[in-house]
Amino acid sequence: MRADKFAFGKLVFGLVFSGLLLAQPAASGDAVKGAKVYKKCLSCHMIGDNAKNRVGPQLNGIVGREIAAVADYKYSKAMVKYAAAEKVWTEANLDAYLTKPSKVVKGGRMAFAGLRKEKDRDNVIAYLKENAK
């Protein structure tokens, strides 16, 4: 009986602790500044009303969206493999991907070198979240 109470206590603590971690605010970005940084992405990715796939998929609703799930877009095998492991685009994995796409998805087709500045990534993610359609 005592072992059961101990295991239950560990479970409750774990759930509460993970809930606290999930409740932490994400890095705050400025969507207006993010729109300016996003101009680097425009040649390959559309966002907003009437967004279509280009060289890369449209990015409407990307935060929280399943990875490699845009209809009518042919993803690389590397991105499909990444999607099998990660499942959903979160702010955290978007931040990592935007830092250096070729490091996160080895063999992917995205030729973009990445955004070195953390603030630029935070701002772009804020812009993507604000413009989720």
Protein backbone atom coordinates (compact mmCIF):
# COMPACT_ATOMS: atom_id res chain seq x y z
CA MET A 1 0.00 0.00 0.00
CA ARG A 2 2.79 2.43 0.90
CA ALA A 3 4.52 1.81 -2.46
CA ASP A 4 1.25 2.59 -4.25
CA LYS A 5 0.92 5.91 -2.41
CA PHE A 6 4.54 6.75 -3.23
CA ALA A 7 4.03 5.93 -6.93
CA PHE A 8 0.81 7.96 -6.99
CA GLY A 9 2.59 10.90 -5.33
CA LYS A 10 5.37 10.76 -7.92
CA LEU A 11 2.76 10.67 -10.70
CA VAL A 12 0.88 13.68 -9.31
CA PHE A 13 4.12 15.61 -8.79
CA GLY A 14 5.19 14.79 -12.35
CA LEU A 15 1.89 15.94 -13.80
CA VAL A 16 1.89 19.15 -11.78
CA PHE A 17 5.53 19.85 -12.63
CA SER A 18 5.03 19.21 -16.34
CA GLY A 19 1.91 21.38 -16.25
CA LEU A 20 3.95 24.18 -14.77
CA LEU A 21 6.54 23.76 -17.48
CA LEU A 22 3.87 23.86 -20.16
CA ALA A 23 2.35 26.94 -18.58
CA GLN A 24 5.58 28.91 -18.91
CA PRO A 25 5.16 31.79 -21.34
CA ALA A 26 6.89 31.36 -24.66
CA ALA A 27 9.59 33.74 -25.68
CA SER A 28 7.82 36.92 -26.62
CA GLY A 29 8.34 38.27 -30.05
CA ASP A 30 7.13 41.30 -31.94
CA ALA A 31 4.90 40.35 -34.87
CA VAL A 32 5.44 43.71 -36.59
CA LYS A 33 9.20 43.20 -36.55
CA GLY A 34 8.61 39.58 -37.50
CA ALA A 35 6.80 40.70 -40.67
CA LYS A 36 9.98 42.48 -41.74
CA VAL A 37 12.16 39.44 -41.04
CA TYR A 38 9.61 37.19 -42.77
CA LYS A 39 10.35 38.96 -46.06
CA LYS A 40 13.36 36.62 -46.28
CA CYS A 41 10.88 33.73 -46.47
CA LEU A 42 8.47 35.19 -49.05
CA SER A 43 10.15 33.83 -52.13
CA CYS A 44 9.36 30.27 -50.98
CA HIS A 45 6.50 30.50 -48.43
CA MET A 46 3.15 32.28 -48.45
CA ILE A 47 0.99 33.11 -45.43
CA GLY A 48 -2.41 34.74 -45.06
CA ASP A 49 -5.54 34.84 -47.16
CA ASN A 50 -5.20 32.92 -50.43
CA ALA A 51 -1.81 31.49 -49.41
CA LYS A 52 -0.61 28.78 -51.75
CA ASN A 53 2.25 26.35 -51.76
CA ARG A 54 5.33 27.58 -53.57
CA VAL A 55 8.80 26.06 -53.41
CA GLY A 56 7.88 25.51 -49.74
CA PRO A 57 4.45 24.89 -48.22
CA GLN A 58 2.12 27.71 -47.16
CA LEU A 59 2.58 28.55 -43.49
CA ASN A 60 -0.94 29.36 -42.30
CA GLY A 61 -1.49 27.96 -38.83
CA ILE A 62 1.98 26.42 -38.67
CA VAL A 63 2.31 26.70 -34.88
CA GLY A 64 0.39 23.69 -33.61
CA ARG A 65 0.01 22.15 -37.06
CA GLU A 66 1.12 18.62 -37.84
CA ILE A 67 4.52 18.56 -39.50
CA ALA A 68 4.54 17.69 -43.22
CA ALA A 69 0.74 17.78 -43.35
CA VAL A 70 -0.14 20.47 -45.91
CA ALA A 71 -2.30 18.99 -48.62
CA ASP A 72 -0.98 19.12 -52.17
CA TYR A 73 2.61 19.69 -51.10
CA LYS A 74 5.29 17.08 -51.75
CA TYR A 75 7.64 17.00 -48.78
CA SER A 76 11.17 15.63 -48.87
CA LYS A 77 11.79 12.19 -47.41
CA ALA A 78 13.87 13.89 -44.71
CA MET A 79 10.96 16.12 -43.63
CA VAL A 80 8.58 13.15 -43.60
CA LYS A 81 11.05 11.30 -41.38
CA TYR A 82 11.30 14.34 -39.09
CA ALA A 83 7.49 14.50 -38.93
CA ALA A 84 7.37 10.88 -37.79
CA ALA A 85 9.52 11.81 -34.80
CA GLU A 86 8.27 15.32 -33.91
CA LYS A 87 4.60 15.19 -35.03
CA VAL A 88 3.62 18.87 -34.48
CA TRP A 89 5.27 22.25 -35.06
CA THR A 90 5.79 23.90 -31.68
CA GLU A 91 7.45 27.20 -30.97
CA ALA A 92 10.45 25.28 -29.65
CA ASN A 93 11.02 23.06 -32.69
CA LEU A 94 10.26 25.94 -35.06
CA ASP A 95 12.90 27.98 -33.25
CA ALA A 96 15.43 25.16 -33.65
CA TYR A 97 14.49 24.67 -37.31
CA LEU A 98 14.69 28.37 -38.10
CA THR A 99 18.11 28.56 -36.46
CA LYS A 100 19.62 26.13 -38.96
CA PRO A 101 17.16 24.06 -41.02
CA SER A 102 19.83 21.75 -42.46
CA LYS A 103 20.95 20.74 -38.97
CA VAL A 104 17.43 19.90 -37.75
CA VAL A 105 16.21 18.15 -40.91
CA LYS A 106 19.29 16.58 -42.42
CA GLY A 107 18.78 16.07 -46.14
CA GLY A 108 15.77 18.39 -46.31
CA ARG A 109 15.20 20.65 -49.31
CA MET A 110 15.07 23.98 -47.50
CA ALA A 111 18.07 25.90 -48.78
CA PHE A 112 17.67 28.79 -46.33
CA ALA A 113 20.72 29.09 -44.04
CA GLY A 114 18.68 30.11 -41.00
CA LEU A 115 18.15 33.05 -38.68
CA ARG A 116 21.12 33.45 -36.33
CA LYS A 117 19.58 36.05 -34.04
CA GLU A 118 17.23 34.66 -31.39
CA LYS A 119 15.16 37.86 -31.45
CA ASP A 120 14.61 37.50 -35.22
CA ARG A 121 13.34 33.94 -34.68
CA ASP A 122 11.10 35.05 -31.80
CA ASN A 123 9.70 37.84 -33.98
CA VAL A 124 9.07 35.58 -36.97
CA ILE A 125 7.32 33.01 -34.78
CA ALA A 126 5.15 35.80 -33.29
CA TYR A 127 4.30 36.88 -36.85
CA LEU A 128 3.44 33.30 -37.86
CA LYS A 129 1.22 32.91 -34.81
CA GLU A 130 -0.54 36.22 -35.42
CA ASN A 131 -1.18 35.40 -39.06
CA ALA A 132 -2.48 31.88 -38.57
CA LYS A 133 -5.56 31.50 -40.74
